[in-house]
PDB file of N, CA and C in Angstrom:
ATOM      1  N   UNK A   1      26.714   5.906  20.792  1.00  0.00           N
ATOM      2  CA  UNK A   1      25.284   6.674  20.660  1.00  0.00           C
ATOM      3  C   UNK A   1      25.557   7.760  19.523  1.00  0.00           C
ATOM      4  N   UNK A   2      24.498   8.122  18.712  1.00  0.00           N
ATOM      5  CA  UNK A   2      24.603   8.836  17.904  1.00  0.00           C
ATOM      6  C   UNK A   2      24.163  10.326  18.063  1.00  0.00           C
ATOM      7  N   UNK A   3      24.765  11.410  17.574  1.00  0.00           N
ATOM      8  CA  UNK A   3      24.380  12.671  18.128  1.00  0.00           C
ATOM      9  C   UNK A   3      23.034  12.947  17.453  1.00  0.00           C
ATOM     10  N   UNK A   4      22.192  13.938  17.840  1.00  0.00           N
ATOM     11  CA  UNK A   4      21.047  14.349  17.318  1.00  0.00           C
ATOM     12  C   UNK A   4      20.984  14.773  15.833  1.00  0.00           C
ATOM     13  N   UNK A   5      22.014  15.485  15.431  1.00  0.00           N
ATOM     14  CA  UNK A   5      22.333  15.780  14.108  1.00  0.00           C
ATOM     15  C   UNK A   5      22.491  14.568  13.355  1.00  0.00           C
ATOM     16  N   UNK A   6      23.196  13.591  13.799  1.00  0.00           N
ATOM     17  CA  UNK A   6      23.412  12.420  12.982  1.00  0.00           C
ATOM     18  C   UNK A   6      22.100  11.626  12.945  1.00  0.00           C
ATOM     19  N   UNK A   7      21.214  11.488  13.996  1.00  0.00           N
ATOM     20  CA  UNK A   7      19.894  10.847  13.994  1.00  0.00           C
ATOM     21  C   UNK A   7      18.940  11.619  12.899  1.00  0.00           C
ATOM     22  N   UNK A   8      19.105  13.028  12.836  1.00  0.00           N
ATOM     23  CA  UNK A   8      18.250  13.720  12.040  1.00  0.00           C
ATOM     24  C   UNK A   8      18.501  13.286  10.698  1.00  0.00           C
ATOM     25  N   UNK A   9      19.805  13.121  10.233  1.00  0.00           N
ATOM     26  CA  UNK A   9      20.396  12.831   9.018  1.00  0.00           C
ATOM     27  C   UNK A   9      19.910  11.620   8.551  1.00  0.00           C
ATOM     28  N   UNK A  10      20.013  10.521   9.431  1.00  0.00           N
ATOM     29  CA  UNK A  10      19.659   9.193   9.131  1.00  0.00           C
ATOM     30  C   UNK A  10      18.177   9.113   8.868  1.00  0.00           C
ATOM     31  N   UNK A  11      17.354   9.969   9.804  1.00  0.00           N
ATOM     32  CA  UNK A  11      15.863  10.125   9.550  1.00  0.00           C
ATOM     33  C   UNK A  11      15.573  10.603   8.239  1.00  0.00           C
ATOM     34  N   UNK A  12      16.113  11.578   7.761  1.00  0.00           N
ATOM     35  CA  UNK A  12      16.001  12.272   6.651  1.00  0.00           C
ATOM     36  C   UNK A  12      16.154  11.384   5.358  1.00  0.00           C
ATOM     37  N   UNK A  13      17.243  10.621   5.362  1.00  0.00           N
ATOM     38  CA  UNK A  13      17.851   9.677   4.387  1.00  0.00           C
ATOM     39  C   UNK A  13      16.491   8.589   4.403  1.00  0.00           C
ATOM     40  N   UNK A  14      16.304   8.180   5.335  1.00  0.00           N
ATOM     41  CA  UNK A  14      15.202   7.012   5.474  1.00  0.00           C
ATOM     42  C   UNK A  14      13.889   7.427   4.945  1.00  0.00           C
ATOM     43  N   UNK A  15      13.439   8.815   5.362  1.00  0.00           N
ATOM     44  CA  UNK A  15      12.327   9.359   4.666  1.00  0.00           C
ATOM     45  C   UNK A  15      12.379   9.454   2.928  1.00  0.00           C
ATOM     46  N   UNK A  16      13.570   9.729   2.685  1.00  0.00           N
ATOM     47  CA  UNK A  16      13.777   9.899   1.328  1.00  0.00           C
ATOM     48  C   UNK A  16      13.681   8.615   0.593  1.00  0.00           C
ATOM     49  N   UNK A  17      14.308   7.504   1.191  1.00  0.00           N
ATOM     50  CA  UNK A  17      14.265   6.244   0.729  1.00  0.00           C
ATOM     51  C   UNK A  17      12.948   5.799   0.464  1.00  0.00           C
ATOM     52  N   UNK A  18      12.095   5.884   1.567  1.00  0.00           N
ATOM     53  CA  UNK A  18      10.650   5.280   1.373  1.00  0.00           C
ATOM     54  C   UNK A  18       9.574   6.224   0.823  1.00  0.00           C
ATOM     55  N   UNK A  19      10.052   7.490   0.568  1.00  0.00           N
ATOM     56  CA  UNK A  19       9.272   8.565  -0.017  1.00  0.00           C
ATOM     57  C   UNK A  19       8.017   8.659   0.762  1.00  0.00           C
ATOM     58  N   UNK A  20       7.823   9.348   1.826  1.00  0.00           N
ATOM     59  CA  UNK A  20       6.730   9.334   2.472  1.00  0.00           C
ATOM     60  C   UNK A  20       5.618   9.855   1.661  1.00  0.00           C
ATOM     61  N   UNK A  21       4.471   9.135   1.892  1.00  0.00           N
ATOM     62  CA  UNK A  21       3.317   9.515   0.916  1.00  0.00           C
ATOM     63  C   UNK A  21       2.763  10.894   1.331  1.00  0.00           C
ATOM     64  N   UNK A  22       2.440  11.629   0.302  1.00  0.00           N
ATOM     65  CA  UNK A  22       1.615  12.859   0.429  1.00  0.00           C
ATOM     66  C   UNK A  22       0.029  12.738   0.692  1.00  0.00           C
ATOM     67  N   UNK A  23      -0.468  13.065   1.838  1.00  0.00           N
ATOM     68  CA  UNK A  23      -1.788  12.747   2.298  1.00  0.00           C
ATOM     69  C   UNK A  23      -2.830  13.822   1.637  1.00  0.00           C
ATOM     70  N   UNK A  24      -2.265  14.833   0.950  1.00  0.00           N
ATOM     71  CA  UNK A  24      -3.097  15.762   0.496  1.00  0.00           C
ATOM     72  C   UNK A  24      -3.675  15.549  -1.057  1.00  0.00           C
ATOM     73  N   UNK A  25      -3.218  14.491  -1.728  1.00  0.00           N
ATOM     74  CA  UNK A  25      -3.606  14.305  -2.961  1.00  0.00           C
ATOM     75  C   UNK A  25      -3.350  12.893  -3.320  1.00  0.00           C
ATOM     76  N   UNK A  26      -4.139  12.546  -4.377  1.00  0.00           N
ATOM     77  CA  UNK A  26      -3.728  11.034  -4.847  1.00  0.00           C
ATOM     78  C   UNK A  26      -4.587  10.003  -4.205  1.00  0.00           C
ATOM     79  N   UNK A  27      -4.097   8.701  -4.274  1.00  0.00           N
ATOM     80  CA  UNK A  27      -4.900   7.812  -3.823  1.00  0.00           C
ATOM     81  C   UNK A  27      -4.448   7.444  -2.359  1.00  0.00           C
ATOM     82  N   UNK A  28      -5.234   6.729  -1.620  1.00  0.00           N
ATOM     83  CA  UNK A  28      -4.931   6.279  -0.453  1.00  0.00           C
ATOM     84  C   UNK A  28      -5.084   4.658  -0.368  1.00  0.00           C
ATOM     85  N   UNK A  29      -3.955   3.999  -0.033  1.00  0.00           N
ATOM     86  CA  UNK A  29      -3.958   2.535  -0.115  1.00  0.00           C
ATOM     87  C   UNK A  29      -3.878   1.980   1.293  1.00  0.00           C
ATOM     88  N   UNK A  30      -4.731   1.009   1.686  1.00  0.00           N
ATOM     89  CA  UNK A  30      -4.599   0.443   2.997  1.00  0.00           C
ATOM     90  C   UNK A  30      -4.551  -1.011   2.776  1.00  0.00           C
ATOM     91  N   UNK A  31      -3.363  -1.469   3.154  1.00  0.00           N
ATOM     92  CA  UNK A  31      -3.184  -2.880   3.398  1.00  0.00           C
ATOM     93  C   UNK A  31      -3.561  -3.635   4.542  1.00  0.00           C
ATOM     94  N   UNK A  32      -4.421  -4.445   4.705  1.00  0.00           N
ATOM     95  CA  UNK A  32      -4.933  -4.890   6.043  1.00  0.00           C
ATOM     96  C   UNK A  32      -3.820  -6.048   6.505  1.00  0.00           C
ATOM     97  N   UNK A  33      -3.168  -5.623   7.537  1.00  0.00           N
ATOM     98  CA  UNK A  33      -1.914  -6.250   8.130  1.00  0.00           C
ATOM     99  C   UNK A  33      -2.449  -6.770   9.368  1.00  0.00           C
ATOM    100  N   UNK A  34      -2.941  -7.807   9.667  1.00  0.00           N
ATOM    101  CA  UNK A  34      -3.457  -8.392  10.820  1.00  0.00           C
ATOM    102  C   UNK A  34      -2.991  -9.875  10.950  1.00  0.00           C
ATOM    103  N   UNK A  35      -3.400 -10.657  11.932  1.00  0.00           N
ATOM    104  CA  UNK A  35      -3.011 -11.894  12.061  1.00  0.00           C
ATOM    105  C   UNK A  35      -3.169 -12.734  10.752  1.00  0.00           C
ATOM    106  N   UNK A  36      -4.314 -12.936  10.534  1.00  0.00           N
ATOM    107  CA  UNK A  36      -4.618 -13.672   9.299  1.00  0.00           C
ATOM    108  C   UNK A  36      -4.125 -13.183   7.891  1.00  0.00           C
ATOM    109  N   UNK A  37      -3.971 -11.687   7.868  1.00  0.00           N
ATOM    110  CA  UNK A  37      -3.315 -11.192   6.715  1.00  0.00           C
ATOM    111  C   UNK A  37      -1.794 -11.383   6.704  1.00  0.00           C
ATOM    112  N   UNK A  38      -1.126 -11.396   7.777  1.00  0.00           N
ATOM    113  CA  UNK A  38       0.193 -11.538   7.872  1.00  0.00           C
ATOM    114  C   UNK A  38       0.403 -13.151   7.422  1.00  0.00           C
ATOM    115  N   UNK A  39      -0.565 -13.928   8.100  1.00  0.00           N
ATOM    116  CA  UNK A  39      -0.213 -15.451   7.788  1.00  0.00           C
ATOM    117  C   UNK A  39      -0.326 -15.763   6.284  1.00  0.00           C
ATOM    118  N   UNK A  40      -1.137 -14.959   5.674  1.00  0.00           N
ATOM    119  CA  UNK A  40      -1.311 -15.148   4.069  1.00  0.00           C
ATOM    120  C   UNK A  40      -0.551 -14.061   3.321  1.00  0.00           C
ATOM    121  N   UNK A  41       0.502 -13.207   3.762  1.00  0.00           N
ATOM    122  CA  UNK A  41       1.345 -12.690   2.892  1.00  0.00           C
ATOM    123  C   UNK A  41       1.277 -11.324   3.067  1.00  0.00           C
ATOM    124  N   UNK A  42       0.543 -10.608   3.822  1.00  0.00           N
ATOM    125  CA  UNK A  42       0.318  -9.165   3.796  1.00  0.00           C
ATOM    126  C   UNK A  42       1.608  -8.350   3.924  1.00  0.00           C
ATOM    127  N   UNK A  43       2.425  -8.570   4.602  1.00  0.00           N
ATOM    128  CA  UNK A  43       3.604  -7.991   4.777  1.00  0.00           C
ATOM    129  C   UNK A  43       4.301  -7.878   3.496  1.00  0.00           C
ATOM    130  N   UNK A  44       4.560  -9.014   2.825  1.00  0.00           N
ATOM    131  CA  UNK A  44       4.991  -9.077   1.322  1.00  0.00           C
ATOM    132  C   UNK A  44       4.309  -8.174   0.539  1.00  0.00           C
ATOM    133  N   UNK A  45       3.050  -8.035   0.796  1.00  0.00           N
ATOM    134  CA  UNK A  45       2.221  -7.028  -0.299  1.00  0.00           C
ATOM    135  C   UNK A  45       2.576  -5.781   0.123  1.00  0.00           C
ATOM    136  N   UNK A  46       2.815  -5.324   1.385  1.00  0.00           N
ATOM    137  CA  UNK A  46       2.966  -4.011   1.821  1.00  0.00           C
ATOM    138  C   UNK A  46       4.411  -3.676   1.232  1.00  0.00           C
ATOM    139  N   UNK A  47       5.407  -4.430   1.376  1.00  0.00           N
ATOM    140  CA  UNK A  47       6.625  -4.196   0.938  1.00  0.00           C
ATOM    141  C   UNK A  47       6.736  -4.020  -0.674  1.00  0.00           C
ATOM    142  N   UNK A  48       5.869  -4.705  -1.318  1.00  0.00           N
ATOM    143  CA  UNK A  48       5.837  -4.574  -2.855  1.00  0.00           C
ATOM    144  C   UNK A  48       5.147  -3.159  -3.263  1.00  0.00           C
ATOM    145  N   UNK A  49       4.049  -2.927  -2.431  1.00  0.00           N
ATOM    146  CA  UNK A  49       3.610  -1.649  -2.742  1.00  0.00           C
ATOM    147  C   UNK A  49       4.722  -0.509  -2.574  1.00  0.00           C
ATOM    148  N   UNK A  50       5.408  -0.468  -1.524  1.00  0.00           N
ATOM    149  CA  UNK A  50       6.370   0.378  -1.271  1.00  0.00           C
ATOM    150  C   UNK A  50       7.653   0.441  -2.353  1.00  0.00           C
ATOM    151  N   UNK A  51       7.819  -0.707  -2.713  1.00  0.00           N
ATOM    152  CA  UNK A  51       9.090  -0.736  -3.742  1.00  0.00           C
ATOM    153  C   UNK A  51       8.394  -0.457  -5.093  1.00  0.00           C
ATOM    154  N   UNK A  52       7.200  -0.713  -5.325  1.00  0.00           N
ATOM    155  CA  UNK A  52       6.649  -0.393  -6.827  1.00  0.00           C
ATOM    156  C   UNK A  52       6.456   1.161  -6.805  1.00  0.00           C
ATOM    157  N   UNK A  53       5.896   1.812  -5.727  1.00  0.00           N
ATOM    158  CA  UNK A  53       5.845   3.333  -5.829  1.00  0.00           C
ATOM    159  C   UNK A  53       6.952   4.035  -5.893  1.00  0.00           C
ATOM    160  N   UNK A  54       8.098   3.478  -5.153  1.00  0.00           N
ATOM    161  CA  UNK A  54       9.380   4.069  -5.171  1.00  0.00           C
ATOM    162  C   UNK A  54       9.915   3.939  -6.598  1.00  0.00           C
ATOM    163  N   UNK A  55       9.809   2.759  -7.025  1.00  0.00           N
ATOM    164  CA  UNK A  55      10.650   2.410  -8.198  1.00  0.00           C
ATOM    165  C   UNK A  55      10.111   3.309  -9.389  1.00  0.00           C
ATOM    166  N   UNK A  56       8.710   3.634  -9.202  1.00  0.00           N
ATOM    167  CA  UNK A  56       8.055   4.539 -10.351  1.00  0.00           C
ATOM    168  C   UNK A  56       8.024   5.943 -10.050  1.00  0.00           C
ATOM    169  N   UNK A  57       8.493   6.373  -8.872  1.00  0.00           N
ATOM    170  CA  UNK A  57       8.661   7.814  -8.409  1.00  0.00           C
ATOM    171  C   UNK A  57       7.360   8.260  -7.995  1.00  0.00           C
ATOM    172  N   UNK A  58       6.410   7.477  -7.605  1.00  0.00           N
ATOM    173  CA  UNK A  58       5.013   7.896  -7.279  1.00  0.00           C
ATOM    174  C   UNK A  58       5.079   8.228  -5.777  1.00  0.00           C
ATOM    175  N   UNK A  59       4.762   9.469  -5.514  1.00  0.00           N
ATOM    176  CA  UNK A  59       4.816  10.197  -4.285  1.00  0.00           C
ATOM    177  C   UNK A  59       3.534  10.746  -3.906  1.00  0.00           C
ATOM    178  N   UNK A  60       2.510  10.618  -4.517  1.00  0.00           N
ATOM    179  CA  UNK A  60       1.027  11.219  -4.213  1.00  0.00           C
ATOM    180  C   UNK A  60       0.121   9.966  -3.718  1.00  0.00           C
ATOM    181  N   UNK A  61       0.695   8.898  -3.238  1.00  0.00           N
ATOM    182  CA  UNK A  61       0.063   7.809  -2.704  1.00  0.00           C
ATOM    183  C   UNK A  61       0.271   7.604  -1.275  1.00  0.00           C
ATOM    184  N   UNK A  62      -0.740   7.701  -0.361  1.00  0.00           N
ATOM    185  CA  UNK A  62      -0.698   7.530   1.031  1.00  0.00           C
ATOM    186  C   UNK A  62      -0.940   6.003   1.260  1.00  0.00           C
ATOM    187  N   UNK A  63       0.029   5.399   1.887  1.00  0.00           N
ATOM    188  CA  UNK A  63      -0.016   3.986   2.010  1.00  0.00           C
ATOM    189  C   UNK A  63       0.092   3.539   3.570  1.00  0.00           C
ATOM    190  N   UNK A  64      -0.825   2.891   3.971  1.00  0.00           N
ATOM    191  CA  UNK A  64      -1.303   2.657   5.374  1.00  0.00           C
ATOM    192  C   UNK A  64      -1.333   1.023   5.556  1.00  0.00           C
ATOM    193  N   UNK A  65      -1.081   0.850   6.745  1.00  0.00           N
ATOM    194  CA  UNK A  65      -1.640  -0.499   7.175  1.00  0.00           C
ATOM    195  C   UNK A  65      -2.884  -0.380   8.073  1.00  0.00           C
ATOM    196  N   UNK A  66      -3.670  -1.219   7.845  1.00  0.00           N
ATOM    197  CA  UNK A  66      -4.919  -1.416   8.631  1.00  0.00           C
ATOM    198  C   UNK A  66      -5.289  -2.518   9.359  1.00  0.00           C
ATOM    199  N   UNK A  67      -6.210  -2.666  10.418  1.00  0.00           N
ATOM    200  CA  UNK A  67      -6.647  -3.916  11.093  1.00  0.00           C
ATOM    201  C   UNK A  67      -7.676  -4.796  10.153  1.00  0.00           C
ATOM    202  N   UNK A  68      -7.850  -5.921  10.822  1.00  0.00           N
ATOM    203  CA  UNK A  68      -8.886  -6.887  10.350  1.00  0.00           C
ATOM    204  C   UNK A  68     -10.138  -6.264   9.998  1.00  0.00           C
ATOM    205  N   UNK A  69     -10.879  -6.442   8.847  1.00  0.00           N
ATOM    206  CA  UNK A  69     -12.459  -6.042   8.560  1.00  0.00           C
ATOM    207  C   UNK A  69     -13.101  -7.409   8.694  1.00  0.00           C
ATOM    208  N   UNK A  70     -12.746  -8.354   8.944  1.00  0.00           N
ATOM    209  CA  UNK A  70     -13.600  -9.692   9.252  1.00  0.00           C
ATOM    210  C   UNK A  70     -13.665 -10.609   8.141  1.00  0.00           C
ATOM    211  N   UNK A  71     -12.953 -10.185   6.988  1.00  0.00           N
ATOM    212  CA  UNK A  71     -13.031 -11.044   5.832  1.00  0.00           C
ATOM    213  C   UNK A  71     -11.649 -12.007   5.522  1.00  0.00           C
ATOM    214  N   UNK A  72     -11.450 -12.846   6.556  1.00  0.00           N
ATOM    215  CA  UNK A  72     -10.347 -13.666   6.685  1.00  0.00           C
ATOM    216  C   UNK A  72     -10.129 -14.512   5.327  1.00  0.00           C
ATOM    217  N   UNK A  73     -11.247 -14.923   4.696  1.00  0.00           N
ATOM    218  CA  UNK A  73     -11.074 -15.722   3.546  1.00  0.00           C
ATOM    219  C   UNK A  73     -10.420 -14.862   2.304  1.00  0.00           C
ATOM    220  N   UNK A  74     -10.611 -13.507   2.576  1.00  0.00           N
ATOM    221  CA  UNK A  74     -10.183 -12.714   1.254  1.00  0.00           C
ATOM    222  C   UNK A  74      -8.788 -12.170   1.584  1.00  0.00           C
ATOM    223  N   UNK A  75      -8.038 -12.475   2.852  1.00  0.00           N
ATOM    224  CA  UNK A  75      -6.773 -11.856   3.117  1.00  0.00           C
ATOM    225  C   UNK A  75      -5.651 -12.364   2.136  1.00  0.00           C
ATOM    226  N   UNK A  76      -4.783 -11.461   1.886  1.00  0.00           N
ATOM    227  CA  UNK A  76      -4.512 -10.323   2.255  1.00  0.00           C
ATOM    228  C   UNK A  76      -5.492  -9.192   1.571  1.00  0.00           C
ATOM    229  N   UNK A  77      -6.087  -8.429   2.027  1.00  0.00           N
ATOM    230  CA  UNK A  77      -7.304  -7.294   1.600  1.00  0.00           C
ATOM    231  C   UNK A  77      -6.298  -6.111   1.447  1.00  0.00           C
ATOM    232  N   UNK A  78      -6.696  -5.432   0.415  1.00  0.00           N
ATOM    233  CA  UNK A  78      -6.079  -4.032  -0.074  1.00  0.00           C
ATOM    234  C   UNK A  78      -7.331  -3.106  -0.380  1.00  0.00           C
ATOM    235  N   UNK A  79      -7.205  -2.090   0.168  1.00  0.00           N
ATOM    236  CA  UNK A  79      -8.216  -0.970  -0.275  1.00  0.00           C
ATOM    237  C   UNK A  79      -7.763   0.057  -0.777  1.00  0.00           C
ATOM    238  N   UNK A  80      -8.359   0.568  -1.856  1.00  0.00           N
ATOM    239  CA  UNK A  80      -7.958   1.772  -2.558  1.00  0.00           C
ATOM    240  C   UNK A  80      -8.949   2.766  -2.430  1.00  0.00           C
ATOM    241  N   UNK A  81      -8.617   4.076  -2.041  1.00  0.00           N
ATOM    242  CA  UNK A  81      -9.586   5.060  -2.157  1.00  0.00           C
ATOM    243  C   UNK A  81      -8.989   6.092  -3.052  1.00  0.00           C
ATOM    244  N   UNK A  82     -10.112   6.405  -4.018  1.00  0.00           N
ATOM    245  CA  UNK A  82      -9.612   7.262  -4.991  1.00  0.00           C
ATOM    246  C   UNK A  82      -9.608   8.718  -4.392  1.00  0.00           C
ATOM    247  N   UNK A  83      -8.999   9.579  -5.124  1.00  0.00           N
ATOM    248  CA  UNK A  83      -8.920  11.005  -4.583  1.00  0.00           C
ATOM    249  C   UNK A  83     -10.600  11.484  -4.326  1.00  0.00           C
ATOM    250  N   UNK A  84     -11.342  11.066  -5.074  1.00  0.00           N
ATOM    251  CA  UNK A  84     -12.982  11.558  -4.785  1.00  0.00           C
ATOM    252  C   UNK A  84     -13.443  10.804  -3.657  1.00  0.00           C
ATOM    253  N   UNK A  85     -12.725   9.761  -3.027  1.00  0.00           N
ATOM    254  CA  UNK A  85     -13.255   9.035  -1.929  1.00  0.00           C
ATOM    255  C   UNK A  85     -13.943   7.568  -2.341  1.00  0.00           C
ATOM    256  N   UNK A  86     -13.995   7.295  -3.588  1.00  0.00           N
ATOM    257  CA  UNK A  86     -14.265   6.074  -3.901  1.00  0.00           C
ATOM    258  C   UNK A  86     -13.602   4.904  -3.563  1.00  0.00           C
ATOM    259  N   UNK A  87     -14.085   3.995  -2.843  1.00  0.00           N
ATOM    260  CA  UNK A  87     -13.527   2.690  -2.318  1.00  0.00           C
ATOM    261  C   UNK A  87     -13.425   1.488  -3.214  1.00  0.00           C
ATOM    262  N   UNK A  88     -12.259   0.889  -3.563  1.00  0.00           N
ATOM    263  CA  UNK A  88     -12.299  -0.359  -4.255  1.00  0.00           C
ATOM    264  C   UNK A  88     -11.429  -1.413  -3.343  1.00  0.00           C
ATOM    265  N   UNK A  89     -12.069  -2.568  -3.080  1.00  0.00           N
ATOM    266  CA  UNK A  89     -11.405  -3.431  -2.234  1.00  0.00           C
ATOM    267  C   UNK A  89     -11.151  -4.780  -3.059  1.00  0.00           C
ATOM    268  N   UNK A  90      -9.809  -5.053  -2.913  1.00  0.00           N
ATOM    269  CA  UNK A  90      -9.057  -6.217  -3.475  1.00  0.00           C
ATOM    270  C   UNK A  90      -8.818  -7.290  -2.543  1.00  0.00           C
ATOM    271  N   UNK A  91      -8.895  -8.528  -2.928  1.00  0.00           N
ATOM    272  CA  UNK A  91      -8.807  -9.676  -1.966  1.00  0.00           C
ATOM    273  C   UNK A  91      -7.978 -10.548  -2.626  1.00  0.00           C
ATOM    274  N   UNK A  92      -7.352 -11.261  -1.622  1.00  0.00           N
ATOM    275  CA  UNK A  92      -6.340 -12.541  -1.809  1.00  0.00           C
ATOM    276  C   UNK A  92      -5.146 -11.919  -2.715  1.00  0.00           C
ATOM    277  N   UNK A  93      -4.527 -10.732  -2.277  1.00  0.00           N
ATOM    278  CA  UNK A  93      -3.727 -10.090  -3.016  1.00  0.00           C
ATOM    279  C   UNK A  93      -2.356 -10.498  -2.749  1.00  0.00           C
ATOM    280  N   UNK A  94      -1.448 -10.841  -3.610  1.00  0.00           N
ATOM    281  CA  UNK A  94      -0.140 -11.180  -3.637  1.00  0.00           C
ATOM    282  C   UNK A  94       0.720 -10.121  -4.186  1.00  0.00           C
ATOM    283  N   UNK A  95       1.930 -10.341  -4.184  1.00  0.00           N
ATOM    284  CA  UNK A  95       3.033  -9.526  -4.797  1.00  0.00           C
ATOM    285  C   UNK A  95       2.826  -9.232  -6.459  1.00  0.00           C
ATOM    286  N   UNK A  96       2.328 -10.203  -7.006  1.00  0.00           N
ATOM    287  CA  UNK A  96       2.217  -9.955  -8.495  1.00  0.00           C
ATOM    288  C   UNK A  96       0.934  -9.225  -8.657  1.00  0.00           C
ATOM    289  N   UNK A  97      -0.107  -9.319  -8.023  1.00  0.00           N
ATOM    290  CA  UNK A  97      -1.339  -8.679  -7.942  1.00  0.00           C
ATOM    291  C   UNK A  97      -1.166  -7.155  -7.571  1.00  0.00           C
ATOM    292  N   UNK A  98      -0.318  -7.088  -6.720  1.00  0.00           N
ATOM    293  CA  UNK A  98       0.043  -5.740  -5.982  1.00  0.00           C
ATOM    294  C   UNK A  98       0.654  -4.736  -7.063  1.00  0.00           C
ATOM    295  N   UNK A  99       1.637  -5.555  -8.001  1.00  0.00           N
ATOM    296  CA  UNK A  99       2.222  -4.834  -8.894  1.00  0.00           C
ATOM    297  C   UNK A  99       1.055  -4.358  -9.957  1.00  0.00           C
ATOM    298  N   UNK A 100       0.298  -5.337 -10.435  1.00  0.00           N
ATOM    299  CA  UNK A 100      -0.946  -5.002 -11.304  1.00  0.00           C
ATOM    300  C   UNK A 100      -1.599  -3.907 -10.865  1.00  0.00           C
ATOM    301  N   UNK A 101      -1.954  -3.804  -9.530  1.00  0.00           N
ATOM    302  CA  UNK A 101      -2.840  -2.669  -8.823  1.00  0.00           C
ATOM    303  C   UNK A 101      -2.074  -1.364  -8.974  1.00  0.00           C
ATOM    304  N   UNK A 102      -0.743  -1.315  -8.941  1.00  0.00           N
ATOM    305  CA  UNK A 102      -0.084  -0.098  -9.054  1.00  0.00           C
ATOM    306  C   UNK A 102      -0.129   0.417 -10.444  1.00  0.00           C
ATOM    307  N   UNK A 103       0.237  -0.610 -11.414  1.00  0.00           N
ATOM    308  CA  UNK A 103       0.198  -0.250 -12.657  1.00  0.00           C
ATOM    309  C   UNK A 103      -1.228   0.250 -13.457  1.00  0.00           C
ATOM    310  N   UNK A 104      -2.126  -0.638 -13.125  1.00  0.00           N
ATOM    311  CA  UNK A 104      -3.529  -0.321 -13.619  1.00  0.00           C
ATOM    312  C   UNK A 104      -4.326   0.537 -12.977  1.00  0.00           C
ATOM    313  N   UNK A 105      -4.535   0.516 -11.627  1.00  0.00           N
ATOM    314  CA  UNK A 105      -5.299   1.310 -10.868  1.00  0.00           C
ATOM    315  C   UNK A 105      -4.728   2.514 -10.498  1.00  0.00           C
ATOM    316  N   UNK A 106      -3.427   2.556  -9.857  1.00  0.00           N
ATOM    317  CA  UNK A 106      -2.863   3.850  -9.189  1.00  0.00           C
ATOM    318  C   UNK A 106      -2.377   4.624 -10.384  1.00  0.00           C
ATOM    319  N   UNK A 107      -1.780   4.080 -11.514  1.00  0.00           N
ATOM    320  CA  UNK A 107      -1.293   4.744 -12.499  1.00  0.00           C
ATOM    321  C   UNK A 107      -2.391   5.131 -13.588  1.00  0.00           C
ATOM    322  N   UNK A 108      -2.941   4.285 -14.037  1.00  0.00           N
ATOM    323  CA  UNK A 108      -3.920   4.361 -15.199  1.00  0.00           C
ATOM    324  C   UNK A 108      -5.491   4.569 -14.746  1.00  0.00           C
ATOM    325  N   UNK A 109      -5.665   4.347 -13.418  1.00  0.00           N
ATOM    326  CA  UNK A 109      -6.912   4.713 -12.932  1.00  0.00           C
ATOM    327  C   UNK A 109      -8.148   3.695 -13.167  1.00  0.00           C
ATOM    328  N   UNK A 110      -7.608   2.680 -13.824  1.00  0.00           N
ATOM    329  CA  UNK A 110      -8.435   1.320 -13.954  1.00  0.00           C
ATOM    330  C   UNK A 110      -8.439   0.300 -12.959  1.00  0.00           C
ATOM    331  N   UNK A 111      -9.624   0.069 -12.490  1.00  0.00           N
ATOM    332  CA  UNK A 111     -10.002  -1.060 -11.612  1.00  0.00           C
ATOM    333  C   UNK A 111      -9.541  -2.403 -12.329  1.00  0.00           C
ATOM    334  N   UNK A 112      -8.769  -3.156 -11.422  1.00  0.00           N
ATOM    335  CA  UNK A 112      -8.337  -4.314 -11.877  1.00  0.00           C
ATOM    336  C   UNK A 112      -9.420  -5.604 -11.325  1.00  0.00           C
ATOM    337  N   UNK A 113     -10.571  -5.561 -12.234  1.00  0.00           N
ATOM    338  CA  UNK A 113     -11.773  -6.250 -11.631  1.00  0.00           C
ATOM    339  C   UNK A 113     -11.576  -7.808 -11.528  1.00  0.00           C
ATOM    340  N   UNK A 114     -10.617  -8.474 -12.057  1.00  0.00           N
ATOM    341  CA  UNK A 114     -10.549  -9.868 -11.655  1.00  0.00           C
ATOM    342  C   UNK A 114      -9.943 -10.073 -10.270  1.00  0.00           C
ATOM    343  N   UNK A 115      -9.595  -9.130  -9.687  1.00  0.00           N
ATOM    344  CA  UNK A 115      -9.040  -9.190  -8.256  1.00  0.00           C
ATOM    345  C   UNK A 115      -9.792  -8.620  -7.085  1.00  0.00           C
ATOM    346  N   UNK A 116     -10.898  -8.128  -7.599  1.00  0.00           N
ATOM    347  CA  UNK A 116     -11.807  -7.390  -6.438  1.00  0.00           C
ATOM    348  C   UNK A 116     -12.326  -8.772  -5.434  1.00  0.00           C
ATOM    349  N   UNK A 117     -12.404  -8.214  -4.114  1.00  0.00           N
ATOM    350  CA  UNK A 117     -12.822  -9.089  -3.127  1.00  0.00           C
ATOM    351  C   UNK A 117     -14.204  -9.367  -3.351  1.00  0.00           C
ATOM    352  N   UNK A 118     -14.387 -10.478  -2.920  1.00  0.00           N
ATOM    353  CA  UNK A 118     -15.573 -11.146  -3.015  1.00  0.00           C
ATOM    354  C   UNK A 118     -16.555 -10.861  -1.663  1.00  0.00           C
ATOM    355  N   UNK A 119     -17.086  -9.671  -1.527  1.00  0.00           N
ATOM    356  CA  UNK A 119     -17.676  -9.203  -0.376  1.00  0.00           C
ATOM    357  C   UNK A 119     -19.196  -8.795  -0.675  1.00  0.00           C
TER     358      UNK A 119
END
């Protein structure tokens, strides 16, 4: 068993590795990770967002997992909330699309229109 100090150190290192997202500013990204989302690759999409944000040193994005919103045909679904509260919904997102969303939407502020969900 680890001591409390060792556990705290492990926790701090883990938090630094995943760069806990700052909720006070920037974008909020919700990946819908439910049964049909998981079946269609939502976990891979979530991991891709974590890796891309960390690789680029982006720490002002809150990354969340969310439940089903009833659009199974559009899974994996990613919702982006801008700092001013505007919502953009992407559908059928894979790792490649997630990278494009980070580059274009989260970094450059440009919606990637060809991947918008058909809702």
